[in-house]
Amino acid sequence: MRIISGTHKGRRINPPKSITARPTTDFAKEGLFNILNNFIDFEGQKVLDLFCGTGNITFEFASRGATDITSVDDNFQCCDFVKKTISDFKMQQVKVIKSDAFSFLKKTANTYQLIFADPPYEMELEKFESIPQLVFDKDLLLPDGFLIVEHGAKTDFSKHQHFVEHRKYGNVNFSFFKKNS
């Protein structure tokens, strides 16, 4: 894994083999950020990375200038790795929270310009599909904010009222949701 762009462009991220999280591929990540570049100026943005795993997406947002990033994962090893990496890369704008993502969403009072969620593909479908509704029910996006959910081929969010677009990069699928202002 590597950081695609920004102040840390080209830096490698090497999580230990004991972390079993499935990081977003560089190919899919590059496609995702090419799309986001058309809609968001990352500089100064507030971002939430749910199910952050190796921190792959978190590091990309930080490298591109997001100034307030919250990374949430319930795996102790993942959180430790992300904390170590943000220290090594001097990314002070990142906060790591060890928590179940659903519990975090239910408790937080914060709002974000962008929320990225990459739950395990094998998660129970009903729980997986509840993520967008929970985000919008709790009003966690700022006006014109985006929610992006990474998922496998079997998940279809196209009927959700805030669904905007679906993109596929190899085996990686992204569904985009937008809060209208």
Foldseek 3Di string as FASTA:
>chain_A
DAQCDAPRHGHDQDADPVQPDDDDDPQVLVVVVVVVVVPDQLAQFAEEEEQCRQVRVVVNSLRSHHQAYEYEEQDPSNLVNVVVVCVVVVSVNYDYDNDHRLVCLVPDLAAGQEYEYEDDQPPDLVVLLCVVVSCVVSVRYDAFGKYKYKYFPVDDPPVPPQWDDWDDDPRIIITMGTHHD
